[in-house]
Protein backbone atom coordinates (compact mmCIF):
# COMPACT_ATOMS: atom_id res chain seq x y z
CA MET A 1 55.65 48.43 155.59
CA ALA A 2 56.37 44.88 155.51
CA LYS A 3 57.41 43.45 152.14
CA PRO A 4 54.92 41.75 149.87
CA PRO A 5 55.70 38.42 149.75
CA ASN A 6 56.93 36.56 147.19
CA SER A 7 59.06 39.19 145.68
CA PRO A 8 62.03 38.88 143.61
CA PRO A 9 65.47 40.08 145.22
CA PRO A 10 66.77 43.85 144.77
CA LEU A 11 69.69 41.90 141.84
CA LEU A 12 67.23 39.23 140.18
CA LEU A 13 64.92 43.37 139.28
CA LEU A 14 68.22 44.19 138.02
CA LEU A 15 69.33 41.79 136.42
CA LEU A 16 66.17 41.71 134.04
CA LEU A 17 66.01 45.82 133.95
CA LEU A 18 69.43 45.01 131.82
CA LEU A 19 67.95 42.34 129.55
CA LEU A 20 65.63 44.34 128.96
CA CYS A 21 67.01 47.80 127.93
CA PRO A 22 68.29 46.64 124.55
CA LEU A 23 64.50 45.59 123.25
CA LEU A 24 62.61 48.91 124.94
CA LEU A 25 65.71 51.50 123.13
CA LEU A 26 65.23 49.34 119.74
CA PRO A 27 61.52 50.36 119.50
CA LEU A 28 62.30 54.24 120.30
CA SER A 29 65.20 54.19 117.57
CA SER A 30 62.86 52.61 115.08
CA ALA A 31 60.33 54.55 115.00
CA ASP A 32 62.89 58.31 115.46
CA ASP A 33 63.75 56.54 111.89
CA PHE A 34 59.88 56.48 110.54
CA ALA A 35 58.76 59.68 112.21
CA VAL A 36 61.84 61.53 109.74
CA MET A 37 59.82 59.44 106.90
CA THR A 38 56.77 59.79 107.63
CA LYS A 39 57.62 64.33 108.03
CA LEU A 40 59.44 63.23 104.57
CA ALA A 41 56.72 61.87 102.81
CA SER A 42 54.36 64.84 104.45
CA LEU A 43 56.75 67.24 103.03
CA LEU A 44 56.69 65.60 99.38
CA SER A 45 54.52 66.60 96.24
CA PRO A 46 53.65 64.21 95.19
CA THR A 47 53.92 61.57 97.63
CA PRO A 48 56.08 59.24 95.50
CA SER A 49 54.41 56.16 94.26
CA GLY A 50 54.63 52.91 96.43
CA TRP A 51 54.44 54.98 99.61
CA THR A 52 51.80 53.24 101.69
CA GLY A 53 51.62 52.11 105.08
CA THR A 54 52.92 52.83 108.29
CA ASN A 55 56.56 51.13 107.89
CA PRO A 56 58.94 52.75 105.29
CA CYS A 57 60.79 49.62 104.53
CA THR A 58 58.25 48.99 102.53
CA TRP A 59 58.26 51.77 100.62
CA THR A 60 59.61 52.23 97.02
CA GLY A 61 62.66 54.25 96.97
CA ILE A 62 63.44 52.67 100.28
CA THR A 63 66.26 50.26 101.37
CA CYS A 64 66.13 49.44 105.68
CA ASP A 65 68.97 47.62 107.88
CA SER A 66 68.80 43.60 108.30
CA THR A 67 66.44 44.09 111.43
CA SER A 68 63.97 46.51 109.15
CA THR A 69 64.24 49.12 111.63
CA HIS A 70 66.18 51.56 110.70
CA VAL A 71 66.54 53.13 107.17
CA THR A 72 70.18 53.00 104.99
CA SER A 73 69.40 54.62 101.60
CA ILE A 74 66.87 56.77 100.44
CA ASN A 75 66.46 56.50 96.42
CA LEU A 76 64.21 59.36 94.91
CA ALA A 77 65.88 60.41 91.90
CA SER A 78 63.96 61.74 88.65
CA LEU A 79 60.94 61.53 90.06
CA SER A 80 59.35 64.69 89.16
CA LEU A 81 59.08 65.81 93.06
CA SER A 82 59.28 69.21 94.76
CA GLY A 83 58.68 70.38 98.40
CA SER A 84 61.45 70.16 101.42
CA LEU A 85 63.41 68.23 103.10
CA PRO A 86 62.59 68.15 106.66
CA SER A 87 65.19 69.45 109.33
CA THR A 88 65.09 65.83 111.19
CA LEU A 89 67.05 64.11 108.31
CA ASN A 90 69.84 63.83 110.60
CA SER A 91 68.28 61.40 112.94
CA LEU A 92 68.74 58.32 110.12
CA SER A 93 71.64 57.26 111.57
CA LEU A 94 72.38 54.63 109.65
CA LEU A 95 72.02 56.32 106.11
CA GLN A 96 74.23 55.62 103.88
CA THR A 97 72.92 56.44 100.64
CA LEU A 98 70.90 59.95 99.53
CA THR A 99 70.15 59.95 95.93
CA LEU A 100 67.62 63.24 95.57
CA GLN A 101 68.91 64.51 91.97
CA ARG A 102 67.11 65.68 89.12
CA ASN A 103 64.16 66.72 90.50
CA SER A 104 62.47 70.36 92.19
CA LEU A 105 63.43 69.95 95.45
CA SER A 106 63.63 73.75 97.34
CA GLY A 107 63.45 75.40 100.44
CA PRO A 108 67.01 74.93 103.03
CA LEU A 109 69.08 72.49 102.69
CA PRO A 110 68.88 70.02 106.10
CA SER A 111 72.30 69.63 108.74
CA LEU A 112 73.62 66.58 107.30
CA SER A 113 75.71 65.95 110.20
CA ASN A 114 77.30 63.32 112.87
CA LEU A 115 75.99 61.72 109.68
CA THR A 116 78.61 58.92 110.58
CA SER A 117 77.59 55.95 107.87
CA LEU A 118 76.47 58.40 104.97
CA GLU A 119 78.76 57.27 101.99
CA GLN A 120 76.42 58.85 98.73
CA ILE A 121 75.05 62.03 98.72
CA TYR A 122 73.40 63.14 95.81
CA LEU A 123 71.22 66.49 95.18
CA ASP A 124 71.89 67.93 91.82
CA SER A 125 69.61 69.55 89.38
CA ASN A 126 66.93 70.99 92.01
CA ASN A 127 66.11 74.49 93.54
CA PHE A 128 67.33 74.30 96.99
CA THR A 129 68.09 77.49 98.50
CA SER A 130 70.70 77.72 101.08
CA VAL A 131 73.25 75.68 102.85
CA PRO A 132 73.78 75.45 106.98
CA THR A 133 76.91 75.88 108.46
CA ASN A 134 77.51 72.65 109.78
CA PHE A 135 76.12 70.60 106.88
CA LEU A 136 78.66 68.28 106.32
CA SER A 137 80.05 67.94 109.94
CA GLY A 138 81.59 64.77 110.94
CA LEU A 139 81.13 62.66 107.91
CA THR A 140 83.69 60.63 108.60
CA ASN A 141 82.72 57.75 105.66
CA LEU A 142 81.90 60.19 103.00
CA GLN A 143 83.08 59.28 99.25
CA THR A 144 80.70 60.81 97.18
CA LEU A 145 79.17 64.62 97.12
CA SER A 146 77.40 65.58 94.18
CA MET A 147 75.41 68.61 94.26
CA SER A 148 75.82 70.77 91.42
CA ASP A 149 72.90 73.01 89.53
CA ASN A 150 71.52 74.46 92.23
CA PRO A 151 71.35 77.99 90.84
CA ASN A 152 69.52 79.41 93.69
CA LEU A 153 71.28 78.89 97.07
CA ALA A 154 72.34 81.82 98.66
CA PRO A 155 76.27 82.65 98.51
CA TRP A 156 78.22 79.93 100.82
CA THR A 157 81.16 78.89 100.65
CA ILE A 158 83.60 75.64 100.96
CA PRO A 159 82.97 74.17 104.15
CA THR A 160 86.57 73.16 105.88
CA GLU A 161 84.77 70.71 107.49
CA LEU A 162 84.83 68.20 104.71
CA THR A 163 88.91 67.56 105.66
CA GLN A 164 87.09 65.05 108.06
CA SER A 165 85.85 63.42 105.29
CA SER A 166 89.35 61.48 104.28
CA SER A 167 87.92 59.13 101.98
CA LEU A 168 86.47 61.56 99.20
CA SER A 169 86.90 60.51 95.96
CA VAL A 170 84.22 62.84 94.48
CA ILE A 171 83.23 66.69 94.77
CA TYR A 172 80.79 68.49 92.24
CA ALA A 173 79.44 71.58 93.40
CA SER A 174 79.29 73.29 89.59
CA ASN A 175 76.84 76.03 89.39
CA ALA A 176 76.16 76.26 92.93
CA ASN A 177 76.61 80.02 94.48
CA ILE A 178 80.07 79.47 95.80
CA TYR A 179 81.56 81.95 96.42
CA GLY A 180 85.27 82.91 97.48
CA SER A 181 88.98 80.83 97.59
CA ILE A 182 89.91 77.40 96.90
CA PRO A 183 90.78 76.17 100.57
CA ASP A 184 94.55 74.59 99.96
CA PHE A 185 93.27 71.13 102.11
CA PHE A 186 92.77 68.90 99.02
CA ASP A 187 96.35 67.30 101.16
CA SER A 188 93.45 65.22 102.86
CA PHE A 189 92.08 63.49 100.36
CA PRO A 190 94.15 61.01 99.58
CA ASN A 191 91.66 59.21 97.13
CA LEU A 192 89.98 62.30 95.35
CA GLN A 193 90.19 62.06 92.01
CA ASN A 194 86.87 63.84 90.45
CA LEU A 195 86.85 67.95 91.70
CA ARG A 196 84.35 69.98 89.58
CA LEU A 197 83.30 73.23 90.71
CA SER A 198 82.65 75.24 87.07
CA TYR A 199 80.63 78.51 87.00
CA ASN A 200 80.70 79.74 90.46
CA ASN A 201 82.28 82.93 92.03
CA LEU A 202 85.56 81.54 92.78
CA THR A 203 88.69 83.78 92.64
CA GLY A 204 92.02 83.63 94.50
CA THR A 205 94.27 81.51 92.96
CA LEU A 206 94.70 77.68 92.65
CA PRO A 207 95.87 75.58 96.24
CA SER A 208 99.64 74.17 96.23
CA THR A 209 98.36 70.98 98.04
CA LEU A 210 96.59 69.97 94.37
CA GLY A 211 99.93 69.28 93.35
CA GLY A 212 100.63 65.68 93.61
CA SER A 213 97.27 64.83 94.69
CA GLU A 214 95.34 61.80 92.90
CA ILE A 215 93.09 64.47 90.59
CA THR A 216 92.24 62.72 87.21
CA ASN A 217 88.98 64.94 86.29
CA LEU A 218 89.32 68.92 87.17
CA TRP A 219 86.99 71.35 86.21
CA LEU A 220 87.35 74.93 88.00
CA ASN A 221 85.98 76.90 84.00
CA ASN A 222 83.61 79.93 83.92
CA GLN A 223 84.23 81.57 87.28
CA LEU A 224 81.99 85.33 87.53
CA HIS A 225 85.16 86.85 88.08
CA GLY A 226 87.97 84.31 87.54
CA LEU A 227 90.48 82.18 89.25
CA SER A 228 93.55 84.21 88.94
CA GLY A 229 97.47 83.24 89.47
CA THR A 230 99.53 80.50 87.38
CA ILE A 231 98.41 77.10 86.36
CA GLU A 232 101.87 76.06 87.12
CA VAL A 233 100.71 73.36 90.37
CA LEU A 234 98.99 71.43 87.41
CA SER A 235 102.91 70.49 86.45
CA THR A 236 103.31 68.39 89.11
CA MET A 237 99.65 66.91 88.99
CA THR A 238 100.74 63.19 87.45
CA GLN A 239 97.68 62.11 87.15
CA LEU A 240 95.15 64.17 85.53
CA SER A 241 93.05 63.55 82.83
CA GLN A 242 91.16 66.16 81.29
CA VAL A 243 91.71 69.41 82.40
CA TRP A 244 88.50 72.41 82.18
CA LEU A 245 90.30 75.92 83.16
CA HIS A 246 89.03 78.20 80.38
CA ALA A 247 86.77 81.62 81.00
CA ASN A 248 89.25 82.77 83.81
CA SER A 249 91.76 85.19 84.05
CA PHE A 250 94.47 82.78 84.73
CA THR A 251 98.18 84.76 83.81
CA GLY A 252 101.65 82.93 83.06
CA PRO A 253 103.31 80.44 81.05
CA VAL A 254 101.50 77.70 80.05
CA PRO A 255 103.97 74.99 82.40
CA ASP A 256 105.52 71.73 81.23
CA LEU A 257 102.89 68.67 81.57
CA SER A 258 104.90 66.15 80.75
CA LYS A 259 104.74 64.34 83.25
CA CYS A 260 100.49 64.13 82.99
CA THR A 261 101.38 61.59 80.11
CA ASN A 262 97.12 60.43 80.87
CA LEU A 263 95.41 63.70 79.69
CA PHE A 264 93.57 63.94 76.58
CA ASP A 265 91.71 67.27 77.46
CA LEU A 266 92.91 70.83 78.01
CA GLN A 267 90.86 73.56 77.85
CA LEU A 268 92.27 76.73 78.23
CA ARG A 269 91.24 79.08 75.97
CA ASP A 270 90.25 82.96 77.55
CA ASN A 271 92.95 83.36 80.26
CA GLN A 272 95.50 86.03 79.67
CA PHE A 273 98.41 83.54 79.04
CA THR A 274 101.41 84.49 77.90
CA GLY A 275 104.73 83.35 76.52
CA VAL A 276 105.47 80.32 74.36
CA LEU A 277 104.13 76.78 74.59
CA PRO A 278 105.62 74.24 76.05
CA ALA A 279 107.51 71.69 73.07
CA SER A 280 106.78 68.98 75.94
CA LEU A 281 103.12 69.56 75.26
CA MET A 282 103.23 68.62 71.95
CA GLY A 283 104.61 65.53 73.30
CA LEU A 284 101.91 64.03 75.21
CA SER A 285 100.55 60.76 73.28
CA LYS A 286 97.04 60.72 74.54
CA LEU A 287 96.22 64.55 74.15
CA ALA A 288 92.99 65.00 71.94
CA ASN A 289 91.64 68.24 72.64
CA VAL A 290 92.74 71.35 73.12
CA SER A 291 91.86 75.00 73.21
CA LEU A 292 93.93 78.08 73.06
CA GLN A 293 92.01 81.25 71.91
CA ASN A 294 92.36 84.41 73.07
CA ASN A 295 94.81 84.54 75.22
CA LYS A 296 98.16 86.49 75.75
CA LEU A 297 100.84 83.86 73.89
CA GLN A 298 103.42 84.71 71.78
CA GLY A 299 106.28 83.21 69.42
CA ASP A 300 109.18 81.58 69.62
CA CYS A 301 110.30 84.99 68.98
CA SER A 302 109.19 86.59 72.31
CA SER A 303 110.91 84.05 74.43
CA CYS A 304 114.26 85.58 73.60
CA CYS A 305 113.19 88.94 75.71
CA ALA A 306 110.86 88.12 77.80
CA GLY A 307 111.16 84.67 79.48
CA ASP A 308 112.75 85.82 82.56
CA ILE A 309 110.61 88.47 83.14
CA GLY A 310 107.75 86.28 83.40
CA TYR A 311 105.96 87.65 80.03
CA PRO A 312 104.75 90.50 81.75
CA ILE A 313 101.17 91.40 80.35
CA SER A 314 102.09 94.29 78.52
CA LEU A 315 103.94 92.82 76.27
CA ALA A 316 101.76 89.80 75.73
CA GLN A 317 99.55 92.95 74.12
CA SER A 318 101.73 93.69 71.79
CA TRP A 319 104.29 91.05 71.32
CA LEU A 320 101.46 89.23 68.48
CA GLY A 321 102.56 86.49 65.85
CA ASN A 322 106.43 86.16 65.94
CA ASP A 323 107.72 88.98 64.18
CA ALA A 324 109.67 91.28 66.62
CA CYS A 325 109.26 94.05 63.77
CA SER A 326 106.09 93.81 63.54
CA GLU A 327 104.91 97.27 65.49
CA TRP A 328 106.37 95.29 68.88
CA THR A 329 105.74 98.09 71.87
CA PHE A 330 110.02 98.38 73.63
CA VAL A 331 112.01 96.98 70.00
CA THR A 332 113.17 98.73 67.17
CA CYS A 333 114.43 97.33 64.17
CA ASP A 334 116.79 98.24 61.16
CA SER A 335 115.72 98.85 57.52
CA ARG A 336 116.30 94.71 56.96
CA GLY A 337 114.20 93.99 59.72
CA ASN A 338 116.41 93.17 62.61
CA VAL A 339 116.58 93.54 66.26
CA THR A 340 118.79 96.89 67.14
CA ILE A 341 117.43 98.41 70.25
CA VAL A 342 115.41 96.17 73.19
CA ASN A 343 114.22 99.28 75.74
CA PHE A 344 112.52 97.82 78.84
CA GLY A 345 113.58 100.82 81.13
CA LYS A 346 111.06 102.46 83.43
CA GLN A 347 108.87 99.05 83.37
CA ARG A 348 108.63 97.84 86.72
CA PHE A 349 109.69 94.44 85.10
CA SER A 350 111.04 91.69 87.83
CA GLY A 351 112.82 88.63 87.18
CA THR A 352 116.32 88.05 85.50
CA ILE A 353 117.92 89.04 82.74
CA SER A 354 117.92 86.45 79.86
CA PRO A 355 121.03 85.07 78.53
CA ALA A 356 119.10 83.87 75.19
CA PHE A 357 119.48 88.16 74.35
CA VAL A 358 122.42 87.13 72.64
CA ASN A 359 120.30 85.42 69.67
CA LEU A 360 119.51 89.02 68.96
CA THR A 361 123.11 89.22 66.70
CA SER A 362 121.74 92.93 65.14
CA LEU A 363 121.43 94.51 68.89
CA LYS A 364 122.73 97.86 69.30
CA SER A 365 121.24 99.20 72.88
CA LEU A 366 119.64 97.67 75.75
CA TYR A 367 117.71 99.36 78.20
CA LEU A 368 117.04 97.50 80.92
CA ASN A 369 117.71 100.56 83.78
CA ASP A 370 114.78 101.09 86.38
CA ASN A 371 113.42 98.20 86.88
CA ASN A 372 113.36 95.53 89.82
CA LEU A 373 115.96 92.96 87.70
CA THR A 374 117.94 90.20 89.68
CA GLY A 375 120.62 88.27 89.40
CA SER A 376 123.59 87.58 88.18
CA ILE A 377 124.35 89.68 84.26
CA PRO A 378 125.26 86.51 81.85
CA ASP A 379 128.04 86.26 80.63
CA SER A 380 126.69 85.67 77.14
CA LEU A 381 126.29 89.40 76.19
CA THR A 382 129.84 90.06 76.25
CA SER A 383 129.62 88.39 72.59
CA LEU A 384 127.23 90.49 71.45
CA PRO A 385 128.60 91.46 67.83
CA GLN A 386 126.63 94.90 67.02
CA LEU A 387 126.10 95.60 70.63
CA GLN A 388 127.11 99.84 71.97
CA LEU A 389 125.33 100.20 74.22
CA LEU A 390 124.04 98.09 77.50
CA ASP A 391 121.90 100.33 80.96
CA VAL A 392 121.20 98.09 84.10
CA SER A 393 121.47 100.70 86.52
CA ASN A 394 118.83 101.03 89.19
CA ASN A 395 117.87 97.66 89.15
CA ASN A 396 119.30 94.80 92.33
CA LEU A 397 121.61 92.52 90.22
CA SER A 398 124.46 90.51 91.98
CA GLY A 399 127.64 88.98 91.63
CA VAL A 400 130.31 89.17 89.21
CA VAL A 401 130.43 91.91 86.28
CA PRO A 402 131.35 90.18 82.95
CA VAL A 403 133.88 92.12 80.64
CA PHE A 404 132.88 94.29 77.94
CA PRO A 405 134.94 94.74 74.59
CA SER A 406 135.82 98.62 74.65
CA THR A 407 132.99 99.59 71.93
CA VAL A 408 130.09 98.48 74.46
CA LYS A 409 129.20 101.48 76.62
CA PHE A 410 128.18 99.62 80.20
CA ILE A 411 126.09 101.28 82.67
CA SER A 412 125.46 99.92 86.27
CA VAL A 413 125.19 102.70 88.60
CA GLY A 414 122.73 102.28 91.42
CA ASN A 415 122.75 98.41 91.84
CA LEU A 416 124.16 97.70 95.15
CA LEU A 417 124.90 94.38 95.69
CA LEU A 418 126.99 93.78 91.81
CA GLY A 419 129.83 92.82 92.36
CA LYS A 420 129.50 90.67 95.42
CA ASN A 421 128.34 86.79 95.13
CA ILE A 422 124.94 86.66 95.99
CA THR A 423 122.48 83.21 94.59
CA THR A 424 119.00 85.19 93.68
CA GLY A 425 118.63 82.83 90.68
CA SER A 426 119.32 82.80 87.05
CA GLY A 427 120.33 85.18 84.86
CA GLY A 428 124.43 85.00 84.80
CA SER A 429 127.22 83.29 86.25
CA GLY A 430 128.20 83.80 89.88
CA GLY A 431 131.37 84.31 90.97
CA ASN A 432 133.59 85.13 93.62
CA SER A 433 132.93 88.91 94.71
CA GLY A 434 135.74 90.67 93.40
CA SER A 435 133.79 93.48 91.53
CA GLY A 436 132.88 96.46 92.51
CA SER A 437 128.62 97.97 92.39
CA ASN A 438 127.48 100.76 91.12
CA SER A 439 129.91 101.16 88.20
CA SER A 440 129.67 103.86 85.40
CA THR A 441 132.08 102.64 82.55
CA SER A 442 132.79 103.84 78.93
CA GLY A 443 134.40 100.95 76.45
CA GLY A 444 137.26 99.30 78.08
CA ASN A 445 137.32 96.07 80.56
CA SER A 446 134.61 97.08 83.30
CA ASN A 447 136.76 95.99 85.88
CA GLY A 448 134.69 97.13 89.03
CA SER A 449 136.73 97.13 91.65
CA SER A 450 138.89 98.98 89.79
CA VAL A 451 136.85 101.76 88.88
CA SER A 452 135.20 101.77 92.38
CA ALA A 453 138.63 102.10 94.14
CA GLY A 454 139.90 104.90 92.16
CA LEU A 455 136.19 106.35 91.87
CA ILE A 456 137.09 106.68 95.84
CA ALA A 457 140.20 107.34 95.66
CA GLY A 458 139.33 110.44 93.87
CA VAL A 459 136.10 111.65 95.53
CA VAL A 460 138.19 111.73 98.67
CA ILE A 461 141.15 113.55 97.39
CA ALA A 462 138.40 116.21 95.65
CA VAL A 463 137.02 116.30 99.66
CA VAL A 464 140.14 116.98 101.12
CA VAL A 465 141.30 119.65 98.60
CA PHE A 466 138.20 121.57 98.91
CA VAL A 467 138.54 121.21 102.63
CA GLY A 468 141.74 122.80 102.40
CA VAL A 469 140.92 125.56 100.42
CA VAL A 470 137.69 126.51 101.56
CA SER A 471 139.81 126.12 105.43
CA PHE A 472 142.54 129.01 103.43
CA VAL A 473 140.17 131.56 102.06
CA SER A 474 138.64 131.10 105.37
CA TYR A 475 142.22 131.80 107.53
CA LYS A 476 143.02 134.66 105.22
CA CYS A 477 139.51 136.77 105.25
CA TYR A 478 139.53 136.27 108.81
CA VAL A 479 143.05 138.13 108.89
CA LYS A 480 142.13 140.95 106.64
CA LYS A 481 139.29 141.86 108.78
CA ARG A 482 141.26 141.41 112.11
CA HIS A 483 143.87 143.59 110.27
CA GLN A 484 141.42 146.32 108.86
CA ARG A 485 139.36 146.88 112.26
CA PHE A 486 142.91 147.35 114.42
CA GLY A 487 144.92 149.61 111.62
CA LYS A 488 141.46 152.04 112.15
CA THR A 489 141.88 152.32 115.15
């Protein structure tokens, strides 16, 4: 075929095509954004005022980039809108702000995945019905996620892909039908200051990565079945100013919050906290609002006995007030109101033996047997002036056995590690291994080594004697029978 006259060379055609490509693509991407906005307008009722014409960049509440080709912001807050959102919303590639709160929007939420420019999401107070699995994937610049008060959402869990949004500073998702545990991922959010997840169905314990975070505002109150475990992690959240944990199932003592110097509001009511309030709580100068009612908190006296065993709920339910002689379980008093017997035997308590028992100067009998107590026996117990009986048998105690007065019956059988220097925590003083285990003495020096050695020697001698007697008797019987049989013959 003959080449057309005056046709441009192939190289020139290629260069012209490369120059025209950006111009060809620009209208296409603009058309994508405009198509999404046109679809959104058709789904809303009533159509927002000012939404006239074919160019969404001129509509009220819509902001575009400098070229007027890409939508960067949608602001439709508080316009009494109903309807739904288009599934293609994540085609708005340069969208930075999505503000739709306080309307009556319904239907499923669209995926916002891979909107890498998106920084602010406000979906609060609507009637959305479901959250897609990839809802928040790839939002690398997200700073605010606010979607509280969407009670019609189908149950959903906190998505772990949020860790891709390391710039998050606000997470508001209260009353949004979230269930399951709180992910332990807060070390991924160095700028997170506000976390509100109240009125959901969250369960489990507080994540350890909350410790050391920058969170100032923490709302986890009123979970349907209740968060559980202790709140010890709060003691390391030094930036806290407001904490709402009420109406849950938290247990254990209220921790030392002395490092939370900005704390002004602490709501802990309607839980199962036990123990004594730390004195440091009253030293927080900014603390103005505190609620503690409907817990199992105890007076100072109870800390003597229950502190090192974690204030078990069985004690907290009856140890009310600060009078140990006021029908406290496991406690017996004399006519003058002095504690004479503490019986914690066979209660499955764990922890260590508190040296503060020494404060019960009228104590005569202390039963700690058949539990899961660890650590050593406090030396201070040897100075109890009225003590007559101490039973620590069948636990997991270790360390040196203190030397009790001859007037004390000391029972310690069933502690295989007692007399061995094993570091397991507080309780009593450790020491060199030198006291035998499984001793049971009545008065005198409680020298575990001598008692155990004597016991072992006695058992060995008894066994030898017994075997000798049995052997001798058996031999005599054998000889006698043999003699009788041959005598008849």
